[in-house]
Amino acid sequence: MENEIKWEVVEELSDEDGTPNCWAYKIGKANYVYITHNHNDMYDVEHSTSYGESRIVVLKTFKRFSNAKRFAEQWILNNYEI
């Protein structure tokens, strides 16, 4: 991938044993894309916005982390200049 996207582990959301459950990529000043391991043992690709009220929207859910990561990175490249 030409513009490599570097995901940061959100340490505050890791399990007690330190297993990551959430990865984030910052877009602009206050917007993020997250990949979150949810309670159904699936992975949500989420987008946070700071327009008006801050909110997080689930874009799509996947069974595999690799598929969620691929979708998230393509979504970022299609919607933002990085």
C-alpha atoms as a PDB file:
ATOM      1  CA  MET A   1       0.000   0.000   0.000  1.00  0.00           C
ATOM      2  CA  GLU A   2       1.448   3.343  -1.022  1.00  0.00           C
ATOM      3  CA  ASN A   3       0.259   5.283   2.036  1.00  0.00           C
ATOM      4  CA  GLU A   4       0.787   2.902   4.917  1.00  0.00           C
ATOM      5  CA  ILE A   5      -1.711   3.341   7.725  1.00  0.00           C
ATOM      6  CA  LYS A   6      -0.228   2.829  11.181  1.00  0.00           C
ATOM      7  CA  TRP A   7      -2.773   1.641  13.730  1.00  0.00           C
ATOM      8  CA  GLU A   8      -2.318   2.513  17.412  1.00  0.00           C
ATOM      9  CA  VAL A   9      -3.563   0.174  20.137  1.00  0.00           C
ATOM     10  CA  VAL A  10      -6.028   1.910  22.476  1.00  0.00           C
ATOM     11  CA  GLU A  11      -4.464   0.635  25.714  1.00  0.00           C
ATOM     12  CA  GLU A  12      -7.376   1.753  27.918  1.00  0.00           C
ATOM     13  CA  LEU A  13      -9.644  -0.770  26.164  1.00  0.00           C
ATOM     14  CA  SER A  14      -7.290  -3.777  26.378  1.00  0.00           C
ATOM     15  CA  ASP A  15      -8.217  -6.839  28.438  1.00  0.00           C
ATOM     16  CA  GLU A  16      -6.896  -7.228  31.977  1.00  0.00           C
ATOM     17  CA  ASP A  17      -4.172  -9.499  30.574  1.00  0.00           C
ATOM     18  CA  GLY A  18      -3.149  -6.786  28.070  1.00  0.00           C
ATOM     19  CA  THR A  19      -4.768  -8.292  24.965  1.00  0.00           C
ATOM     20  CA  PRO A  20      -5.719  -5.427  22.601  1.00  0.00           C
ATOM     21  CA  ASN A  21      -9.423  -4.939  21.830  1.00  0.00           C
ATOM     22  CA  CYS A  22      -9.303  -1.638  19.974  1.00  0.00           C
ATOM     23  CA  TRP A  23      -7.034  -0.065  17.367  1.00  0.00           C
ATOM     24  CA  ALA A  24      -7.265   3.562  16.227  1.00  0.00           C
ATOM     25  CA  TYR A  25      -6.133   5.705  13.332  1.00  0.00           C
ATOM     26  CA  LYS A  26      -6.385   9.478  13.777  1.00  0.00           C
ATOM     27  CA  ILE A  27      -7.771  11.514  10.898  1.00  0.00           C
ATOM     28  CA  GLY A  28      -7.414  15.256  11.261  1.00  0.00           C
ATOM     29  CA  LYS A  29      -7.702  17.003  14.607  1.00  0.00           C
ATOM     30  CA  ALA A  30     -10.488  15.032  16.275  1.00  0.00           C
ATOM     31  CA  ASN A  31     -11.752  12.289  13.968  1.00  0.00           C
ATOM     32  CA  TYR A  32     -10.751   8.648  14.241  1.00  0.00           C
ATOM     33  CA  VAL A  33     -11.344   5.295  12.603  1.00  0.00           C
ATOM     34  CA  TYR A  34     -11.419   2.418  15.074  1.00  0.00           C
ATOM     35  CA  ILE A  35     -11.338  -1.341  14.753  1.00  0.00           C
ATOM     36  CA  THR A  36     -12.964  -2.741  17.878  1.00  0.00           C
ATOM     37  CA  HIS A  37     -13.193  -6.376  19.000  1.00  0.00           C
ATOM     38  CA  ASN A  38     -16.815  -6.469  20.158  1.00  0.00           C
ATOM     39  CA  HIS A  39     -18.751  -8.612  22.652  1.00  0.00           C
ATOM     40  CA  ASN A  40     -19.920 -10.955  19.822  1.00  0.00           C
ATOM     41  CA  ASP A  41     -16.288 -11.900  19.063  1.00  0.00           C
ATOM     42  CA  MET A  42     -16.435  -9.876  15.839  1.00  0.00           C
ATOM     43  CA  TYR A  43     -14.693  -6.690  14.700  1.00  0.00           C
ATOM     44  CA  ASP A  44     -16.478  -3.374  14.195  1.00  0.00           C
ATOM     45  CA  VAL A  45     -15.022  -0.705  11.925  1.00  0.00           C
ATOM     46  CA  GLU A  46     -16.099   2.576  13.493  1.00  0.00           C
ATOM     47  CA  HIS A  47     -15.753   6.238  12.572  1.00  0.00           C
ATOM     48  CA  SER A  48     -15.855   9.022  15.124  1.00  0.00           C
ATOM     49  CA  THR A  49     -16.808  12.545  14.185  1.00  0.00           C
ATOM     50  CA  SER A  50     -16.523  15.830  15.985  1.00  0.00           C
ATOM     51  CA  TYR A  51     -19.131  17.706  13.970  1.00  0.00           C
ATOM     52  CA  GLY A  52     -21.613  19.155  16.461  1.00  0.00           C
ATOM     53  CA  GLU A  53     -22.019  16.392  19.010  1.00  0.00           C
ATOM     54  CA  SER A  54     -19.234  13.825  19.037  1.00  0.00           C
ATOM     55  CA  ARG A  55     -20.419  10.376  18.028  1.00  0.00           C
ATOM     56  CA  ILE A  56     -19.141   7.021  16.855  1.00  0.00           C
ATOM     57  CA  VAL A  57     -20.795   5.231  13.942  1.00  0.00           C
ATOM     58  CA  VAL A  58     -20.269   1.557  13.090  1.00  0.00           C
ATOM     59  CA  LEU A  59     -19.471   1.382   9.382  1.00  0.00           C
ATOM     60  CA  LYS A  60     -19.348  -2.408   9.076  1.00  0.00           C
ATOM     61  CA  THR A  61     -18.767  -5.549  11.177  1.00  0.00           C
ATOM     62  CA  PHE A  62     -16.488  -8.464  10.249  1.00  0.00           C
ATOM     63  CA  LYS A  63     -15.707 -11.937  11.574  1.00  0.00           C
ATOM     64  CA  ARG A  64     -11.959 -11.524  10.972  1.00  0.00           C
ATOM     65  CA  PHE A  65      -9.600  -8.754  12.015  1.00  0.00           C
ATOM     66  CA  SER A  66      -7.780  -8.900   8.660  1.00  0.00           C
ATOM     67  CA  ASN A  67     -11.013  -8.202   6.760  1.00  0.00           C
ATOM     68  CA  ALA A  68     -11.934  -5.346   9.095  1.00  0.00           C
ATOM     69  CA  LYS A  69      -8.461  -3.834   8.689  1.00  0.00           C
ATOM     70  CA  ARG A  70      -8.584  -4.104   4.893  1.00  0.00           C
ATOM     71  CA  PHE A  71     -12.039  -2.463   4.771  1.00  0.00           C
ATOM     72  CA  ALA A  72     -11.038   0.286   7.218  1.00  0.00           C
ATOM     73  CA  GLU A  73      -7.881   1.165   5.308  1.00  0.00           C
ATOM     74  CA  GLN A  74      -9.717   1.280   1.989  1.00  0.00           C
ATOM     75  CA  TRP A  75     -12.443   3.434   3.573  1.00  0.00           C
ATOM     76  CA  ILE A  76      -9.832   5.859   4.922  1.00  0.00           C
ATOM     77  CA  LEU A  77      -8.063   6.107   1.548  1.00  0.00           C
ATOM     78  CA  ASN A  78     -11.379   6.664  -0.267  1.00  0.00           C
ATOM     79  CA  ASN A  79     -12.615   9.345   2.148  1.00  0.00           C
ATOM     80  CA  TYR A  80      -9.523  11.215   3.378  1.00  0.00           C
ATOM     81  CA  GLU A  81      -6.219  12.457   2.058  1.00  0.00           C
ATOM     82  CA  ILE A  82      -3.415  10.965   4.120  1.00  0.00           C
END
